[in-house]
Structure formats: structure tokens, C-alpha cells
Amino acid sequence: MKTKGLFSKIWRWTKRIFLIMFIAQFIYIILLKWMDPPITLTQFFSWITGHGLKRDYVDRDDISYNAKLAVIASEDQLFVDHSGFDWKSIKKAMKYNEKKPGRTHGASTISQQVAKNVFLWQGRDWVRKGLEAYFTFMIEKIWGKKRILEVYLNVIEMGDGIFGIERAANIYFSKSAKDLTRQEAAMIAACLPAPKRFKVKPPSRYVSWKAGKIMQQMNFLQPDPDIQKVIDKSRKT
């Protein structure tokens, strides 16, 4: 009877702890709709492993629409249309990974990358992928596309220890993110999602080629009214 009572007590405390954790993370998601993430695990590990932590968060209005359009063109052209997941790309990636198990082909949307970078750790384990799906769903419902894109451009790594478009613009082009030209924004986007492997300066032949492709896609995507709404094309940023 004592053992049964002990297990019952442990179960009650376990449920309370999980309830508290669920409420806490839900409140945190809501707060981040307006607040900047204090630090992400990726940023923390970059700092403690000696890669540094260079970042400057800026508001959406202080980011050039060129930068917003460039990352959409490079990373997630269906960003304004999907609800967080690009199912066609996910199916293609799964088939590719089945055929070539030694390689991995990703299909993460901008929303999924934000969920991973803000709330979770880097990796490909199933626990993290499950949590990533949950946080992606939540930020799509609570934050909306403009906020997701704003956070993405502030937290994503854009060089070795360089986080966010403002710091990247400062370091690579000696200017603010709001002043980035089309070509400069495309050069930064061309290094994603492997900024430690590909460099903005000096750019490799591949980065220069990819930047050109991104600018072509920017020209194609820009007339879309849904794209213009998300990147605030009507404003002078």
C-alpha cells in the first residue's frame, strides 16, 4: 500500500510539473509576439564554444524589404501561402532521404526554422522534430507571418557567430539592415542555411551564382500582393 501511495504521489507531482511547463511555454510564446527572444540555445552554444555572439535585434520597420524578400526567395518561396509546413517539399525530402540514407535533404520552412532556433536545439532527432512541429503550429497561429519573418531575420545565424540581419549588414557592408540593396540582401541570403560553410565576403563562385538566382526569384515574387503585404513593400524601409 505504501508503494502504491508513493507512485500515486509521484504521478500527481509529474502532472503538475507538466502542467506548469505547458502554461509557462504558452505564456512565453505569447510574450515573444512583442518581445525579442533574450537568447537562443544556438546563440548560447556559439558563445560558449568560442564562435562569439554578435547580434543586434531591430524592428521590422528597420529592415529593408530587400532583405525580407531575399530570404523568402532563397529559403521559402511559399512562405505566405502555407500554414507553417510545405508538405510537398517534405514528401520530396523523405523520398530523397530514403534513396540516399547517407545524406539528408531538408525541407524546413521559415516558420519551422524560427521554431527550431527560438525554442529548441539543433539536431535531427525525432523528439526535437516533434516539438518543432508543435512550436511551428503555435507561432503560425499566435504570431502571424510578419512577426515570424521579423524574428527569423533577427535570430538566424548569418555568419560565424553573427546573428541577425542588422549585425550581418554592419559587418559585411558597413550599413544598417534598412539600407541593404537588392544585391547585398541576396548575397547574405545566398549563404543560408550554411553560413559557416559559405561566406558573404569574399564570396565564392557558388555564392555569387546563387545570389544571382535569388535576385531572379525576387523579381518573380515581388509583384505578388501577399508577398508585398508581408515585406511591407509599400513602406520606405
C-alpha atoms as a PDB file:
ATOM      1  CA  MET A   1       0.000   0.000   0.000  1.00  0.00           C
ATOM      2  CA  LYS A   2       2.878   2.366   0.779  1.00  0.00           C
ATOM      3  CA  THR A   3       4.418   1.710  -2.650  1.00  0.00           C
ATOM      4  CA  LYS A   4       1.087   2.374  -4.363  1.00  0.00           C
ATOM      5  CA  GLY A   5       0.705   5.615  -2.427  1.00  0.00           C
ATOM      6  CA  LEU A   6       4.228   6.707  -3.374  1.00  0.00           C
ATOM      7  CA  PHE A   7       3.599   6.095  -7.090  1.00  0.00           C
ATOM      8  CA  SER A   8       0.316   7.981  -6.852  1.00  0.00           C
ATOM      9  CA  LYS A   9       2.083  10.950  -5.267  1.00  0.00           C
ATOM     10  CA  ILE A  10       4.841  10.927  -7.915  1.00  0.00           C
ATOM     11  CA  TRP A  11       2.225  10.800 -10.679  1.00  0.00           C
ATOM     12  CA  ARG A  12       0.354  13.769  -9.202  1.00  0.00           C
ATOM     13  CA  TRP A  13       3.554  15.831  -8.999  1.00  0.00           C
ATOM     14  CA  THR A  14       4.542  14.789 -12.532  1.00  0.00           C
ATOM     15  CA  LYS A  15       1.213  16.010 -13.886  1.00  0.00           C
ATOM     16  CA  ARG A  16       1.583  19.300 -12.008  1.00  0.00           C
ATOM     17  CA  ILE A  17       5.089  19.837 -13.344  1.00  0.00           C
ATOM     18  CA  PHE A  18       3.992  19.165 -16.927  1.00  0.00           C
ATOM     19  CA  LEU A  19       1.002  21.479 -16.488  1.00  0.00           C
ATOM     20  CA  ILE A  20       3.253  24.269 -15.157  1.00  0.00           C
ATOM     21  CA  MET A  21       5.713  23.740 -18.026  1.00  0.00           C
ATOM     22  CA  PHE A  22       2.916  23.822 -20.586  1.00  0.00           C
ATOM     23  CA  ILE A  23       1.458  27.039 -19.188  1.00  0.00           C
ATOM     24  CA  ALA A  24       4.935  28.618 -18.965  1.00  0.00           C
ATOM     25  CA  GLN A  25       5.852  27.865 -22.578  1.00  0.00           C
ATOM     26  CA  PHE A  26       2.441  29.050 -23.765  1.00  0.00           C
ATOM     27  CA  ILE A  27       2.920  32.384 -21.959  1.00  0.00           C
ATOM     28  CA  TYR A  28       6.453  32.631 -23.392  1.00  0.00           C
ATOM     29  CA  ILE A  29       5.150  32.160 -26.937  1.00  0.00           C
ATOM     30  CA  ILE A  30       2.590  34.930 -26.396  1.00  0.00           C
ATOM     31  CA  LEU A  31       5.210  37.296 -24.919  1.00  0.00           C
ATOM     32  CA  LEU A  32       7.525  36.750 -27.883  1.00  0.00           C
ATOM     33  CA  LYS A  33       4.845  38.083 -30.196  1.00  0.00           C
ATOM     34  CA  TRP A  34       6.026  41.501 -28.976  1.00  0.00           C
ATOM     35  CA  MET A  35       9.326  40.853 -27.139  1.00  0.00           C
ATOM     36  CA  ASP A  36      12.683  39.806 -28.603  1.00  0.00           C
ATOM     37  CA  PRO A  37      13.992  36.372 -27.551  1.00  0.00           C
ATOM     38  CA  PRO A  38      16.551  37.041 -24.786  1.00  0.00           C
ATOM     39  CA  ILE A  39      18.909  34.362 -26.150  1.00  0.00           C
ATOM     40  CA  THR A  40      18.535  31.155 -28.119  1.00  0.00           C
ATOM     41  CA  LEU A  41      20.300  27.857 -27.486  1.00  0.00           C
ATOM     42  CA  THR A  42      22.115  28.208 -30.811  1.00  0.00           C
ATOM     43  CA  GLN A  43      23.378  31.650 -29.821  1.00  0.00           C
ATOM     44  CA  PHE A  44      24.389  30.401 -26.366  1.00  0.00           C
ATOM     45  CA  PHE A  45      26.371  27.462 -27.759  1.00  0.00           C
ATOM     46  CA  SER A  46      28.026  29.753 -30.305  1.00  0.00           C
ATOM     47  CA  TRP A  47      29.175  31.946 -27.446  1.00  0.00           C
ATOM     48  CA  ILE A  48      30.459  29.191 -25.123  1.00  0.00           C
ATOM     49  CA  THR A  49      32.248  27.338 -27.951  1.00  0.00           C
ATOM     50  CA  GLY A  50      34.275  30.402 -28.895  1.00  0.00           C
ATOM     51  CA  HIS A  51      32.487  31.400 -32.097  1.00  0.00           C
ATOM     52  CA  GLY A  52      31.166  34.550 -30.463  1.00  0.00           C
ATOM     53  CA  LEU A  53      27.747  36.146 -30.223  1.00  0.00           C
ATOM     54  CA  LYS A  54      27.396  39.216 -32.407  1.00  0.00           C
ATOM     55  CA  ARG A  55      23.794  40.374 -32.719  1.00  0.00           C
ATOM     56  CA  ASP A  56      21.577  43.453 -32.741  1.00  0.00           C
ATOM     57  CA  TYR A  57      17.812  42.996 -32.804  1.00  0.00           C
ATOM     58  CA  VAL A  58      15.890  45.544 -34.863  1.00  0.00           C
ATOM     59  CA  ASP A  59      12.205  46.198 -35.500  1.00  0.00           C
ATOM     60  CA  ARG A  60      10.500  45.055 -38.691  1.00  0.00           C
ATOM     61  CA  ASP A  61      10.315  48.651 -39.938  1.00  0.00           C
ATOM     62  CA  ASP A  62      14.121  48.922 -39.672  1.00  0.00           C
ATOM     63  CA  ILE A  63      14.735  46.026 -42.063  1.00  0.00           C
ATOM     64  CA  SER A  64      14.865  46.658 -45.802  1.00  0.00           C
ATOM     65  CA  TYR A  65      12.123  44.985 -47.802  1.00  0.00           C
ATOM     66  CA  ASN A  66      15.012  43.709 -49.948  1.00  0.00           C
ATOM     67  CA  ALA A  67      16.220  41.574 -47.038  1.00  0.00           C
ATOM     68  CA  LYS A  68      12.740  40.223 -46.338  1.00  0.00           C
ATOM     69  CA  LEU A  69      12.171  39.378 -49.984  1.00  0.00           C
ATOM     70  CA  ALA A  70      15.631  37.828 -50.377  1.00  0.00           C
ATOM     71  CA  VAL A  71      15.215  35.274 -47.580  1.00  0.00           C
ATOM     72  CA  ILE A  72      11.750  34.330 -48.828  1.00  0.00           C
ATOM     73  CA  ALA A  73      13.145  33.862 -52.340  1.00  0.00           C
ATOM     74  CA  SER A  74      16.066  31.836 -51.010  1.00  0.00           C
ATOM     75  CA  GLU A  75      14.588  29.803 -48.163  1.00  0.00           C
ATOM     76  CA  ASP A  76      10.807  29.523 -48.502  1.00  0.00           C
ATOM     77  CA  GLN A  77       9.037  30.805 -51.603  1.00  0.00           C
ATOM     78  CA  LEU A  78       5.672  29.501 -50.382  1.00  0.00           C
ATOM     79  CA  PHE A  79       6.034  31.277 -47.020  1.00  0.00           C
ATOM     80  CA  VAL A  80       2.948  33.469 -47.433  1.00  0.00           C
ATOM     81  CA  ASP A  81       0.809  30.568 -48.682  1.00  0.00           C
ATOM     82  CA  HIS A  82       1.464  27.677 -46.295  1.00  0.00           C
ATOM     83  CA  SER A  83       0.414  27.287 -42.673  1.00  0.00           C
ATOM     84  CA  GLY A  84       3.908  26.506 -41.420  1.00  0.00           C
ATOM     85  CA  PHE A  85       4.691  23.331 -43.372  1.00  0.00           C
ATOM     86  CA  ASP A  86       5.485  22.799 -47.036  1.00  0.00           C
ATOM     87  CA  TRP A  87       4.084  19.284 -47.368  1.00  0.00           C
ATOM     88  CA  LYS A  88       5.184  18.757 -50.983  1.00  0.00           C
ATOM     89  CA  SER A  89       8.776  19.597 -50.134  1.00  0.00           C
ATOM     90  CA  ILE A  90       8.612  17.391 -47.034  1.00  0.00           C
ATOM     91  CA  LYS A  91       7.459  14.411 -49.133  1.00  0.00           C
ATOM     92  CA  LYS A  92      10.221  15.040 -51.670  1.00  0.00           C
ATOM     93  CA  ALA A  93      12.817  15.243 -48.884  1.00  0.00           C
ATOM     94  CA  MET A  94      11.579  11.992 -47.341  1.00  0.00           C
ATOM     95  CA  LYS A  95      11.845  10.173 -50.678  1.00  0.00           C
ATOM     96  CA  TYR A  96      15.329  11.592 -51.243  1.00  0.00           C
ATOM     97  CA  ASN A  97      16.486  10.526 -47.782  1.00  0.00           C
ATOM     98  CA  GLU A  98      15.089   7.017 -48.307  1.00  0.00           C
ATOM     99  CA  LYS A  99      17.001   6.632 -51.576  1.00  0.00           C
ATOM    100  CA  LYS A 100      20.198   8.098 -50.126  1.00  0.00           C
ATOM    101  CA  PRO A 101      20.259   7.252 -46.395  1.00  0.00           C
ATOM    102  CA  GLY A 102      23.803   8.525 -46.021  1.00  0.00           C
ATOM    103  CA  ARG A 103      22.666  12.044 -46.912  1.00  0.00           C
ATOM    104  CA  THR A 104      19.984  14.341 -45.568  1.00  0.00           C
ATOM    105  CA  HIS A 105      17.842  16.689 -47.599  1.00  0.00           C
ATOM    106  CA  GLY A 106      15.905  19.243 -45.554  1.00  0.00           C
ATOM    107  CA  ALA A 107      12.573  20.909 -46.294  1.00  0.00           C
ATOM    108  CA  SER A 108      12.206  23.335 -43.398  1.00  0.00           C
ATOM    109  CA  THR A 109      10.096  26.412 -43.917  1.00  0.00           C
ATOM    110  CA  ILE A 110      10.982  29.789 -42.438  1.00  0.00           C
ATOM    111  CA  SER A 111       8.377  29.118 -39.731  1.00  0.00           C
ATOM    112  CA  GLN A 112       9.996  25.791 -38.836  1.00  0.00           C
ATOM    113  CA  GLN A 113      13.438  27.386 -38.713  1.00  0.00           C
ATOM    114  CA  VAL A 114      12.146  30.049 -36.333  1.00  0.00           C
ATOM    115  CA  ALA A 115      10.526  27.401 -34.113  1.00  0.00           C
ATOM    116  CA  LYS A 116      13.794  25.444 -34.019  1.00  0.00           C
ATOM    117  CA  ASN A 117      16.084  28.413 -33.441  1.00  0.00           C
ATOM    118  CA  VAL A 118      13.988  30.250 -30.850  1.00  0.00           C
ATOM    119  CA  PHE A 119      12.637  27.400 -28.731  1.00  0.00           C
ATOM    120  CA  LEU A 120      14.780  24.324 -29.371  1.00  0.00           C
ATOM    121  CA  TRP A 121      18.231  22.941 -30.039  1.00  0.00           C
ATOM    122  CA  GLN A 122      19.980  21.958 -33.277  1.00  0.00           C
ATOM    123  CA  GLY A 123      19.685  18.337 -34.332  1.00  0.00           C
ATOM    124  CA  ARG A 124      17.577  15.832 -36.244  1.00  0.00           C
ATOM    125  CA  ASP A 125      16.226  13.562 -33.519  1.00  0.00           C
ATOM    126  CA  TRP A 126      12.515  12.737 -33.524  1.00  0.00           C
ATOM    127  CA  VAL A 127      11.840  14.389 -30.167  1.00  0.00           C
ATOM    128  CA  ARG A 128      13.112  17.720 -31.472  1.00  0.00           C
ATOM    129  CA  LYS A 129      11.237  17.331 -34.752  1.00  0.00           C
ATOM    130  CA  GLY A 130       8.017  16.653 -32.856  1.00  0.00           C
ATOM    131  CA  LEU A 131       8.478  19.732 -30.672  1.00  0.00           C
ATOM    132  CA  GLU A 132       9.404  21.750 -33.752  1.00  0.00           C
ATOM    133  CA  ALA A 133       6.063  20.843 -35.338  1.00  0.00           C
ATOM    134  CA  TYR A 134       4.222  21.949 -32.194  1.00  0.00           C
ATOM    135  CA  PHE A 135       6.015  25.309 -31.921  1.00  0.00           C
ATOM    136  CA  THR A 136       5.639  25.914 -35.660  1.00  0.00           C
ATOM    137  CA  PHE A 137       1.888  25.436 -35.359  1.00  0.00           C
ATOM    138  CA  MET A 138       1.716  27.748 -32.341  1.00  0.00           C
ATOM    139  CA  ILE A 139       3.687  30.650 -33.789  1.00  0.00           C
ATOM    140  CA  GLU A 140       1.727  30.478 -37.030  1.00  0.00           C
ATOM    141  CA  LYS A 141      -1.493  30.824 -35.023  1.00  0.00           C
ATOM    142  CA  ILE A 142      -0.293  33.378 -32.461  1.00  0.00           C
ATOM    143  CA  TRP A 143       2.393  35.472 -34.174  1.00  0.00           C
ATOM    144  CA  GLY A 144       1.407  35.656 -37.826  1.00  0.00           C
ATOM    145  CA  LYS A 145       3.637  35.859 -40.906  1.00  0.00           C
ATOM    146  CA  LYS A 146       5.072  39.355 -40.381  1.00  0.00           C
ATOM    147  CA  ARG A 147       6.254  38.597 -36.853  1.00  0.00           C
ATOM    148  CA  ILE A 148       7.667  35.208 -37.865  1.00  0.00           C
ATOM    149  CA  LEU A 149       9.681  36.821 -40.659  1.00  0.00           C
ATOM    150  CA  GLU A 150      10.863  39.596 -38.325  1.00  0.00           C
ATOM    151  CA  VAL A 151      12.085  37.106 -35.716  1.00  0.00           C
ATOM    152  CA  TYR A 152      13.713  34.960 -38.393  1.00  0.00           C
ATOM    153  CA  LEU A 153      15.718  37.903 -39.686  1.00  0.00           C
ATOM    154  CA  ASN A 154      16.815  38.748 -36.142  1.00  0.00           C
ATOM    155  CA  VAL A 155      17.830  35.335 -34.775  1.00  0.00           C
ATOM    156  CA  ILE A 156      19.115  33.321 -37.731  1.00  0.00           C
ATOM    157  CA  GLU A 157      22.871  32.811 -37.964  1.00  0.00           C
ATOM    158  CA  MET A 158      24.315  34.707 -40.939  1.00  0.00           C
ATOM    159  CA  GLY A 159      27.992  34.049 -40.421  1.00  0.00           C
ATOM    160  CA  ASP A 160      30.323  32.523 -37.855  1.00  0.00           C
ATOM    161  CA  GLY A 161      28.882  33.900 -34.600  1.00  0.00           C
ATOM    162  CA  ILE A 162      26.916  36.568 -36.495  1.00  0.00           C
ATOM    163  CA  PHE A 163      23.196  36.517 -35.745  1.00  0.00           C
ATOM    164  CA  GLY A 164      20.559  38.608 -37.442  1.00  0.00           C
ATOM    165  CA  ILE A 165      20.342  40.820 -40.478  1.00  0.00           C
ATOM    166  CA  GLU A 166      21.348  44.046 -38.685  1.00  0.00           C
ATOM    167  CA  ARG A 167      24.699  42.677 -37.479  1.00  0.00           C
ATOM    168  CA  ALA A 168      25.305  40.999 -40.824  1.00  0.00           C
ATOM    169  CA  ALA A 169      24.678  44.269 -42.672  1.00  0.00           C
ATOM    170  CA  ASN A 170      27.023  46.112 -40.261  1.00  0.00           C
ATOM    171  CA  ILE A 171      29.860  43.611 -40.629  1.00  0.00           C
ATOM    172  CA  TYR A 172      29.623  42.794 -44.336  1.00  0.00           C
ATOM    173  CA  PHE A 173      28.553  46.125 -45.817  1.00  0.00           C
ATOM    174  CA  SER A 174      29.104  48.746 -43.077  1.00  0.00           C
ATOM    175  CA  LYS A 175      25.478  49.813 -43.092  1.00  0.00           C
ATOM    176  CA  SER A 176      22.164  49.191 -41.350  1.00  0.00           C
ATOM    177  CA  ALA A 177      19.743  46.466 -42.389  1.00  0.00           C
ATOM    178  CA  LYS A 178      17.237  49.092 -43.558  1.00  0.00           C
ATOM    179  CA  ASP A 179      19.743  50.299 -46.187  1.00  0.00           C
ATOM    180  CA  LEU A 180      20.608  46.946 -47.775  1.00  0.00           C
ATOM    181  CA  THR A 181      20.403  46.918 -51.544  1.00  0.00           C
ATOM    182  CA  ARG A 182      18.872  44.097 -53.543  1.00  0.00           C
ATOM    183  CA  GLN A 183      22.265  42.589 -54.364  1.00  0.00           C
ATOM    184  CA  GLU A 184      23.585  42.864 -50.802  1.00  0.00           C
ATOM    185  CA  ALA A 185      20.483  41.207 -49.369  1.00  0.00           C
ATOM    186  CA  ALA A 186      20.761  38.423 -51.945  1.00  0.00           C
ATOM    187  CA  MET A 187      24.434  37.861 -51.059  1.00  0.00           C
ATOM    188  CA  ILE A 188      23.565  37.380 -47.392  1.00  0.00           C
ATOM    189  CA  ALA A 189      20.630  35.097 -48.234  1.00  0.00           C
ATOM    190  CA  ALA A 190      22.851  33.044 -50.558  1.00  0.00           C
ATOM    191  CA  CYS A 191      24.855  31.819 -47.556  1.00  0.00           C
ATOM    192  CA  LEU A 192      21.802  30.361 -45.830  1.00  0.00           C
ATOM    193  CA  PRO A 193      21.269  27.850 -44.347  1.00  0.00           C
ATOM    194  CA  ALA A 194      25.018  27.101 -44.028  1.00  0.00           C
ATOM    195  CA  PRO A 195      26.627  30.430 -43.050  1.00  0.00           C
ATOM    196  CA  LYS A 196      29.723  28.812 -41.564  1.00  0.00           C
ATOM    197  CA  ARG A 197      30.415  26.986 -44.825  1.00  0.00           C
ATOM    198  CA  PHE A 198      29.575  29.771 -47.283  1.00  0.00           C
ATOM    199  CA  LYS A 199      30.901  33.304 -46.888  1.00  0.00           C
ATOM    200  CA  VAL A 200      29.418  36.647 -47.893  1.00  0.00           C
ATOM    201  CA  LYS A 201      32.897  38.158 -48.114  1.00  0.00           C
ATOM    202  CA  PRO A 202      34.832  37.113 -50.035  1.00  0.00           C
ATOM    203  CA  PRO A 203      32.069  35.280 -51.912  1.00  0.00           C
ATOM    204  CA  SER A 204      32.823  32.002 -53.610  1.00  0.00           C
ATOM    205  CA  ARG A 205      31.813  31.397 -57.212  1.00  0.00           C
ATOM    206  CA  TYR A 206      28.873  29.364 -55.911  1.00  0.00           C
ATOM    207  CA  VAL A 207      27.647  32.162 -53.588  1.00  0.00           C
ATOM    208  CA  SER A 208      27.848  34.720 -56.399  1.00  0.00           C
ATOM    209  CA  TRP A 209      25.932  32.382 -58.706  1.00  0.00           C
ATOM    210  CA  LYS A 210      23.287  31.655 -56.057  1.00  0.00           C
ATOM    211  CA  ALA A 211      22.863  35.370 -55.262  1.00  0.00           C
ATOM    212  CA  GLY A 212      22.102  35.972 -58.934  1.00  0.00           C
ATOM    213  CA  LYS A 213      19.475  33.212 -58.871  1.00  0.00           C
ATOM    214  CA  ILE A 214      17.946  34.688 -55.738  1.00  0.00           C
ATOM    215  CA  MET A 215      17.633  38.106 -57.370  1.00  0.00           C
ATOM    216  CA  GLN A 216      15.842  36.482 -60.317  1.00  0.00           C
ATOM    217  CA  GLN A 217      13.385  34.872 -57.909  1.00  0.00           C
ATOM    218  CA  MET A 218      12.962  38.176 -56.065  1.00  0.00           C
ATOM    219  CA  ASN A 219      11.877  39.770 -59.339  1.00  0.00           C
ATOM    220  CA  PHE A 220       9.408  36.943 -59.889  1.00  0.00           C
ATOM    221  CA  LEU A 221       7.932  37.021 -56.369  1.00  0.00           C
ATOM    222  CA  GLN A 222       7.768  40.756 -55.714  1.00  0.00           C
ATOM    223  CA  PRO A 223       4.557  41.534 -57.683  1.00  0.00           C
ATOM    224  CA  ASP A 224       2.564  39.074 -55.539  1.00  0.00           C
ATOM    225  CA  PRO A 225       0.252  41.227 -53.329  1.00  0.00           C
ATOM    226  CA  ASP A 226       0.515  38.751 -50.432  1.00  0.00           C
ATOM    227  CA  ILE A 227       4.310  38.966 -50.604  1.00  0.00           C
ATOM    228  CA  GLN A 228       4.166  42.768 -50.700  1.00  0.00           C
ATOM    229  CA  LYS A 229       1.958  42.813 -47.621  1.00  0.00           C
ATOM    230  CA  VAL A 230       4.362  40.650 -45.604  1.00  0.00           C
ATOM    231  CA  ILE A 231       7.526  42.502 -46.634  1.00  0.00           C
ATOM    232  CA  ASP A 232       5.901  45.943 -46.164  1.00  0.00           C
ATOM    233  CA  LYS A 233       6.767  46.897 -49.745  1.00  0.00           C
ATOM    234  CA  SER A 234       4.537  49.966 -49.539  1.00  0.00           C
ATOM    235  CA  ARG A 235       6.708  51.423 -46.755  1.00  0.00           C
ATOM    236  CA  LYS A 236      10.070  53.095 -47.181  1.00  0.00           C
ATOM    237  CA  THR A 237      12.313  50.861 -45.107  1.00  0.00           C
END
